[in-house]
Amino acid sequence: MAITSKPPLTLPDVPLLAGRTKTTDPAEDNQVFSLLYDYEMVQLKPGDFGCGLEFAATSRATLYSDQYGGSLHCLGVMLGDQIGLCIPVSNSNDAVWWGQSIKKTQVPLGRSGKAVHVTFHPGHHNLVAVIDRKFCIERWQRPGVAAPPDIDEIFNRSGQQFLSVDTAKLNRWRVRLADLLSRNLPGPMTLQGAAFENEILTAFRSLLESAEECVVKDSVARKLVETALDHVELAGPRGAAVADLCAELNVSRRTLEVAFRNVIGMSPLKYLNQRRLCRAFTALKQASSEEMSVADIAQVYGFHELGRFAGRYKALFSELPRETLRQRPTRGQRMLA
């Protein structure tokens, strides 16, 4: 499939920083929190204060996981012009936000200029995403299939401090965001900064929308899938991530999933993975083991974990990647033939 009418799909070069920090007492300044909030922490009970943090961030989007070893109260205001949401991971029932206990389906919301105060106890663990408000609005103003959520209306709604999110949707995003963070902690990063921003942007859109599009007209679904595949083709050997396609097409992840299932019969994530496996299979068939290794070809097509790549490859093609590579005769074997 050759497409020449559009420029290559490339993501801008956006710096991405990731790491881990640990605060051991309430007087110690947390470097990540200091960039996001004007805040203070008060220790409520004797014992371990420890607050461990894992984070990944650009200048416009931040994702962090915090875990608390003691009882403490946090009071602060978000800096800049940002919006944030917190997905509880564990021991959320006795956390108190703005003086209220939260339910399992509730997600606390925050916005610059509005005070946030919360009480945590030992074992509390949260995933927190923060994004620049103007960046969100600018990206969501592009033409799309459905109207994006109105950020200002959501946050200005009387008494709106929590989102009520369907349990299944909340669990999906809890897993996706935890995986996104783990992939970008110290070590070889697997995402560009712009791709990371698209992931956070897609998460916010899905969680802020009260009802994601569940029915997509056939003609709209076909157009969405065709346009998405154009972008995938232009993105190079590694293809494009689902979040990049959602950001480019200005649709929610759910809408894109429904369109792919209607047209192709599987989710966009599964289709994109199968496509990369097929491209890797072709490359292995054509390569010589003297010139390329399985690891070389896996890296070209965006597979960073060789064990997982080999497992998926064998499940699809009933042979290991190294077996495919060995099927082509080496130069010496061709000369002897």
Protein backbone atom coordinates (compact mmCIF):
# COMPACT_ATOMS: atom_id res chain seq x y z
CA MET A 1 0.00 0.00 0.00
CA ALA A 2 1.86 3.12 -1.20
CA ILE A 3 0.64 6.56 -0.22
CA THR A 4 2.42 9.65 -1.50
CA SER A 5 -0.20 12.38 -1.18
CA LYS A 6 0.57 13.16 2.47
CA PRO A 7 3.77 14.11 4.26
CA PRO A 8 5.31 11.44 6.53
CA LEU A 9 3.70 11.16 9.94
CA THR A 10 6.38 12.36 12.34
CA LEU A 11 6.10 13.39 15.96
CA PRO A 12 7.78 16.59 17.13
CA ASP A 13 10.91 16.30 19.24
CA VAL A 14 9.62 16.87 22.79
CA PRO A 15 12.00 16.20 25.71
CA LEU A 16 10.81 13.48 28.11
CA LEU A 17 12.18 13.12 31.63
CA ALA A 18 11.57 10.09 33.87
CA GLY A 19 12.82 8.89 37.23
CA ARG A 20 12.20 8.00 40.88
CA THR A 21 12.32 10.10 44.04
CA LYS A 22 11.68 9.44 47.74
CA THR A 23 10.81 11.93 50.46
CA THR A 24 11.64 10.79 54.01
CA ASP A 25 10.27 13.61 56.18
CA PRO A 26 7.72 16.47 55.85
CA ALA A 27 10.45 19.14 55.76
CA GLU A 28 12.08 17.62 52.68
CA ASP A 29 11.11 19.19 49.37
CA ASN A 30 9.83 16.77 46.71
CA GLN A 31 11.35 17.91 43.41
CA VAL A 32 8.47 16.63 41.28
CA PHE A 33 5.71 18.01 43.49
CA SER A 34 7.49 21.39 43.59
CA LEU A 35 7.18 21.70 39.81
CA LEU A 36 3.45 20.96 39.88
CA TYR A 37 2.11 22.37 43.13
CA ASP A 38 2.51 25.03 45.77
CA TYR A 39 2.01 22.58 48.66
CA GLU A 40 2.79 21.39 52.14
CA MET A 41 2.65 17.97 53.81
CA VAL A 42 1.83 17.43 57.47
CA GLN A 43 2.67 14.16 59.21
CA LEU A 44 -0.35 13.00 61.24
CA LYS A 45 1.01 10.03 63.20
CA PRO A 46 4.40 8.90 64.50
CA GLY A 47 6.36 6.47 62.36
CA ASP A 48 7.56 6.24 58.77
CA PHE A 49 6.75 9.30 56.67
CA GLY A 50 8.15 7.99 53.39
CA CYS A 51 6.57 9.07 50.10
CA GLY A 52 7.92 7.23 47.05
CA LEU A 53 7.38 8.65 43.58
CA GLU A 54 7.88 7.33 40.05
CA PHE A 55 7.32 9.85 37.27
CA ALA A 56 7.54 10.64 33.56
CA ALA A 57 6.97 14.15 32.25
CA THR A 58 7.28 16.67 29.45
CA SER A 59 6.69 20.40 29.79
CA ARG A 60 2.95 19.82 29.04
CA ALA A 61 2.09 16.44 30.57
CA THR A 62 3.06 14.55 33.71
CA LEU A 63 2.26 11.07 34.95
CA TYR A 64 3.36 9.93 38.38
CA SER A 65 2.73 7.10 40.81
CA ASP A 66 2.89 7.95 44.52
CA GLN A 67 2.98 5.53 47.43
CA TYR A 68 2.80 6.49 51.11
CA GLY A 69 4.41 4.83 54.12
CA GLY A 70 2.74 6.95 56.79
CA SER A 71 -0.34 9.01 57.60
CA LEU A 72 -0.17 12.55 56.24
CA HIS A 73 -2.27 15.43 55.02
CA CYS A 74 -1.48 17.24 51.76
CA LEU A 75 -2.66 20.76 51.08
CA GLY A 76 -1.78 22.60 47.89
CA VAL A 77 -2.69 24.42 44.71
CA MET A 78 -1.71 23.29 41.23
CA LEU A 79 0.64 25.72 39.48
CA GLY A 80 0.29 27.14 35.96
CA ASP A 81 -2.85 26.42 33.92
CA GLN A 82 -3.26 22.68 34.32
CA ILE A 83 -5.85 20.01 35.00
CA GLY A 84 -5.23 16.79 36.88
CA LEU A 85 -6.91 13.56 37.88
CA CYS A 86 -6.02 10.86 40.37
CA ILE A 87 -6.73 7.15 39.85
CA PRO A 88 -6.50 5.25 43.15
CA VAL A 89 -4.56 1.99 42.83
CA SER A 90 -4.80 0.51 46.33
CA ASN A 91 -6.20 1.22 49.81
CA SER A 92 -8.36 4.04 48.47
CA ASN A 93 -11.40 3.49 50.71
CA ASP A 94 -10.02 5.40 53.68
CA ALA A 95 -8.43 8.23 51.68
CA VAL A 96 -10.23 11.51 52.33
CA TRP A 97 -10.45 14.16 49.58
CA TRP A 98 -11.87 17.57 50.47
CA GLY A 99 -13.25 15.98 53.64
CA GLN A 100 -15.02 13.16 51.76
CA SER A 101 -14.29 9.46 51.42
CA ILE A 102 -14.27 8.35 47.79
CA LYS A 103 -16.00 5.40 46.14
CA LYS A 104 -14.22 2.85 43.95
CA THR A 105 -15.68 4.42 40.80
CA GLN A 106 -14.75 8.01 41.70
CA VAL A 107 -11.76 9.87 40.32
CA PRO A 108 -10.72 13.10 42.11
CA LEU A 109 -10.23 16.12 39.80
CA GLY A 110 -7.95 19.09 40.22
CA ARG A 111 -7.38 22.37 38.42
CA SER A 112 -4.90 25.21 38.79
CA GLY A 113 -6.07 27.86 41.23
CA LYS A 114 -8.32 25.50 43.21
CA ALA A 115 -7.13 24.11 46.54
CA VAL A 116 -6.62 20.37 46.86
CA HIS A 117 -6.46 18.75 50.26
CA VAL A 118 -6.30 15.05 50.90
CA THR A 119 -5.42 12.69 53.75
CA PHE A 120 -3.46 9.50 53.00
CA HIS A 121 -2.57 6.54 55.21
CA PRO A 122 0.11 3.81 54.97
CA GLY A 123 -0.16 1.75 51.79
CA HIS A 124 -2.06 4.31 49.75
CA HIS A 125 -0.98 4.15 46.12
CA ASN A 126 -2.24 6.42 43.31
CA LEU A 127 -1.67 7.19 39.64
CA VAL A 128 -1.87 10.92 38.92
CA ALA A 129 -1.98 12.52 35.46
CA VAL A 130 -1.55 16.26 34.92
CA ILE A 131 -1.81 18.08 31.59
CA ASP A 132 -1.72 21.66 30.34
CA ARG A 133 -5.31 22.88 29.89
CA LYS A 134 -4.63 25.05 26.81
CA PHE A 135 -2.74 22.20 25.15
CA CYS A 136 -5.81 19.96 25.62
CA ILE A 137 -8.21 22.53 24.21
CA GLU A 138 -5.94 23.29 21.23
CA ARG A 139 -5.60 19.61 20.29
CA TRP A 140 -9.31 18.88 20.74
CA GLN A 141 -10.39 21.80 18.55
CA ARG A 142 -9.33 19.88 15.44
CA PRO A 143 -12.13 18.40 13.31
CA GLY A 144 -13.29 15.05 14.65
CA VAL A 145 -16.12 12.52 14.60
CA ALA A 146 -17.62 13.57 17.94
CA ALA A 147 -17.44 16.72 20.04
CA PRO A 148 -14.68 16.49 22.69
CA PRO A 149 -15.42 17.07 26.38
CA ASP A 150 -15.78 20.70 27.43
CA ILE A 151 -13.06 21.08 30.07
CA ASP A 152 -14.23 24.40 31.44
CA GLU A 153 -17.85 23.21 31.71
CA ILE A 154 -16.77 20.07 33.57
CA PHE A 155 -14.62 21.93 36.09
CA ASN A 156 -16.99 24.86 36.52
CA ARG A 157 -19.95 22.61 37.23
CA SER A 158 -21.21 23.24 40.74
CA GLY A 159 -19.66 20.87 43.25
CA GLN A 160 -17.72 18.98 40.57
CA GLN A 161 -14.70 17.54 42.42
CA PHE A 162 -15.04 13.89 41.42
CA LEU A 163 -15.67 12.05 38.16
CA SER A 164 -17.86 8.97 38.21
CA VAL A 165 -16.23 6.47 35.85
CA ASP A 166 -17.46 3.06 34.76
CA THR A 167 -15.54 0.36 36.65
CA ALA A 168 -14.35 -1.48 33.54
CA LYS A 169 -13.13 1.74 31.90
CA LEU A 170 -11.37 2.84 35.08
CA ASN A 171 -9.62 -0.52 35.40
CA ARG A 172 -8.46 -0.38 31.76
CA TRP A 173 -6.91 3.04 32.22
CA ARG A 174 -5.36 2.07 35.54
CA VAL A 175 -3.51 -0.75 33.74
CA ARG A 176 -2.63 1.34 30.66
CA LEU A 177 -1.23 4.26 32.63
CA ALA A 178 0.76 2.00 34.96
CA ASP A 179 2.25 0.28 31.90
CA LEU A 180 2.99 3.66 30.27
CA LEU A 181 4.89 4.78 33.36
CA SER A 182 6.86 1.56 33.75
CA ARG A 183 7.97 1.71 30.09
CA ASN A 184 9.55 5.12 30.60
CA LEU A 185 11.36 4.73 33.90
CA PRO A 186 15.20 4.82 33.90
CA GLY A 187 16.54 2.57 31.19
CA PRO A 188 15.99 2.63 27.40
CA MET A 189 12.89 4.78 26.88
CA THR A 190 10.39 3.35 24.42
CA LEU A 191 8.45 6.57 23.73
CA GLN A 192 9.19 10.03 22.39
CA GLY A 193 7.93 12.94 24.46
CA ALA A 194 5.22 13.73 21.91
CA ALA A 195 4.00 10.11 21.93
CA PHE A 196 3.86 10.24 25.74
CA GLU A 197 1.76 13.43 25.54
CA ASN A 198 -0.63 11.71 23.13
CA GLU A 199 -1.08 8.85 25.60
CA ILE A 200 -1.96 11.27 28.42
CA LEU A 201 -4.20 13.32 26.10
CA THR A 202 -6.09 10.17 25.09
CA ALA A 203 -6.50 9.10 28.73
CA PHE A 204 -7.94 12.48 29.70
CA ARG A 205 -10.37 12.45 26.79
CA SER A 206 -11.64 8.99 27.65
CA LEU A 207 -12.00 9.63 31.38
CA LEU A 208 -13.57 13.10 31.04
CA GLU A 209 -16.18 12.02 28.51
CA SER A 210 -19.33 11.00 30.33
CA ALA A 211 -20.35 8.60 27.54
CA GLU A 212 -17.88 7.53 24.89
CA GLU A 213 -19.16 6.94 21.36
CA CYS A 214 -20.33 3.31 21.23
CA VAL A 215 -22.10 3.34 17.85
CA VAL A 216 -20.19 4.43 14.75
CA LYS A 217 -21.91 4.60 11.36
CA ASP A 218 -20.47 2.20 8.78
CA SER A 219 -19.38 4.99 6.45
CA VAL A 220 -17.70 6.86 9.32
CA ALA A 221 -16.03 3.68 10.58
CA ARG A 222 -14.59 2.90 7.13
CA LYS A 223 -13.28 6.45 6.75
CA LEU A 224 -11.73 6.40 10.22
CA VAL A 225 -10.01 3.06 9.62
CA GLU A 226 -8.76 4.05 6.14
CA THR A 227 -7.35 7.33 7.46
CA ALA A 228 -5.79 5.58 10.46
CA LEU A 229 -4.10 3.04 8.18
CA ASP A 230 -2.77 5.86 5.98
CA HIS A 231 -1.10 7.32 9.07
CA VAL A 232 0.22 3.92 10.11
CA GLU A 233 1.79 3.40 6.67
CA LEU A 234 3.45 6.79 6.80
CA ALA A 235 4.81 6.26 10.30
CA GLY A 236 7.56 3.86 9.20
CA PRO A 237 8.43 0.27 10.21
CA ARG A 238 7.30 0.65 13.82
CA GLY A 239 3.89 1.94 12.79
CA ALA A 240 1.91 4.28 15.02
CA ALA A 241 0.61 3.84 18.56
CA VAL A 242 -3.16 3.82 19.17
CA ALA A 243 -2.87 7.03 21.19
CA ASP A 244 -1.04 8.75 18.30
CA LEU A 245 -3.86 7.77 15.94
CA CYS A 246 -6.51 9.01 18.39
CA ALA A 247 -4.69 12.33 18.74
CA GLU A 248 -4.19 12.67 14.98
CA LEU A 249 -7.83 11.81 14.14
CA ASN A 250 -9.20 13.66 17.20
CA VAL A 251 -11.34 10.75 18.38
CA SER A 252 -11.63 8.88 21.66
CA ARG A 253 -9.95 5.52 22.00
CA ARG A 254 -13.33 3.84 22.33
CA THR A 255 -14.57 5.33 19.04
CA LEU A 256 -11.47 4.11 17.20
CA GLU A 257 -11.84 0.65 18.75
CA VAL A 258 -15.47 0.39 17.64
CA ALA A 259 -14.54 1.50 14.11
CA PHE A 260 -11.73 -1.12 13.83
CA ARG A 261 -13.92 -3.90 15.20
CA ASN A 262 -16.69 -3.02 12.73
CA VAL A 263 -14.39 -2.88 9.68
CA ILE A 264 -11.53 -5.30 10.46
CA GLY A 265 -12.94 -7.44 13.25
CA MET A 266 -10.36 -6.69 15.92
CA SER A 267 -9.14 -3.83 18.09
CA PRO A 268 -6.65 -1.32 16.64
CA LEU A 269 -4.01 -2.42 19.17
CA LYS A 270 -4.25 -6.06 18.12
CA TYR A 271 -4.30 -5.16 14.43
CA LEU A 272 -1.22 -2.94 14.74
CA ASN A 273 0.66 -5.66 16.61
CA GLN A 274 -0.30 -8.27 14.01
CA ARG A 275 0.79 -5.92 11.23
CA ARG A 276 4.22 -5.39 12.79
CA LEU A 277 4.61 -9.15 13.28
CA CYS A 278 3.81 -9.73 9.59
CA ARG A 279 6.34 -7.08 8.55
CA ALA A 280 8.95 -8.71 10.81
CA PHE A 281 8.13 -12.13 9.29
CA THR A 282 8.72 -10.77 5.78
CA ALA A 283 11.99 -9.15 6.84
CA LEU A 284 13.21 -12.38 8.47
CA LYS A 285 12.27 -14.37 5.35
CA GLN A 286 14.30 -12.02 3.16
CA ALA A 287 17.29 -11.52 5.47
CA SER A 288 20.43 -13.58 5.78
CA SER A 289 21.60 -14.67 9.23
CA GLU A 290 25.07 -13.48 8.19
CA GLU A 291 23.81 -9.91 7.80
CA MET A 292 20.96 -9.49 10.32
CA SER A 293 20.02 -11.00 13.66
CA VAL A 294 16.56 -11.60 15.10
CA ALA A 295 17.25 -8.82 17.62
CA ASP A 296 18.13 -6.38 14.80
CA ILE A 297 14.88 -7.02 12.96
CA ALA A 298 12.79 -7.01 16.15
CA GLN A 299 14.17 -3.55 17.03
CA VAL A 300 13.38 -2.21 13.55
CA TYR A 301 9.72 -3.10 14.02
CA GLY A 302 9.47 -1.79 17.57
CA PHE A 303 9.72 -5.03 19.57
CA HIS A 304 11.97 -4.28 22.53
CA GLU A 305 11.43 -7.46 24.56
CA LEU A 306 12.75 -10.42 22.57
CA GLY A 307 11.05 -13.06 24.72
CA ARG A 308 7.62 -11.50 24.27
CA PHE A 309 8.30 -10.95 20.56
CA ALA A 310 9.25 -14.61 20.08
CA GLY A 311 6.13 -15.78 21.92
CA ARG A 312 3.76 -13.64 19.86
CA TYR A 313 5.60 -14.55 16.65
CA LYS A 314 5.33 -18.28 17.28
CA ALA A 315 1.66 -18.00 18.21
CA LEU A 316 0.95 -16.39 14.82
CA PHE A 317 3.36 -18.25 12.50
CA SER A 318 3.90 -21.58 14.36
CA GLU A 319 7.67 -21.14 14.34
CA LEU A 320 10.25 -19.08 16.20
CA PRO A 321 11.84 -16.01 14.56
CA ARG A 322 15.26 -17.70 14.46
CA GLU A 323 13.73 -20.62 12.54
CA THR A 324 12.36 -18.26 9.89
CA LEU A 325 15.74 -16.53 9.59
CA ARG A 326 17.61 -19.83 9.14
CA GLN A 327 15.42 -20.89 6.21
CA ARG A 328 17.29 -18.62 3.82
CA PRO A 329 20.64 -20.12 2.76
CA THR A 330 23.79 -18.25 3.80
CA ARG A 331 26.16 -16.90 1.14
CA GLY A 332 28.45 -19.91 1.59
CA GLN A 333 25.57 -22.34 1.19
CA ARG A 334 24.44 -20.58 -2.01
CA MET A 335 27.93 -20.83 -3.47
CA LEU A 336 28.08 -24.55 -2.74
CA ALA A 337 24.67 -25.22 -4.21
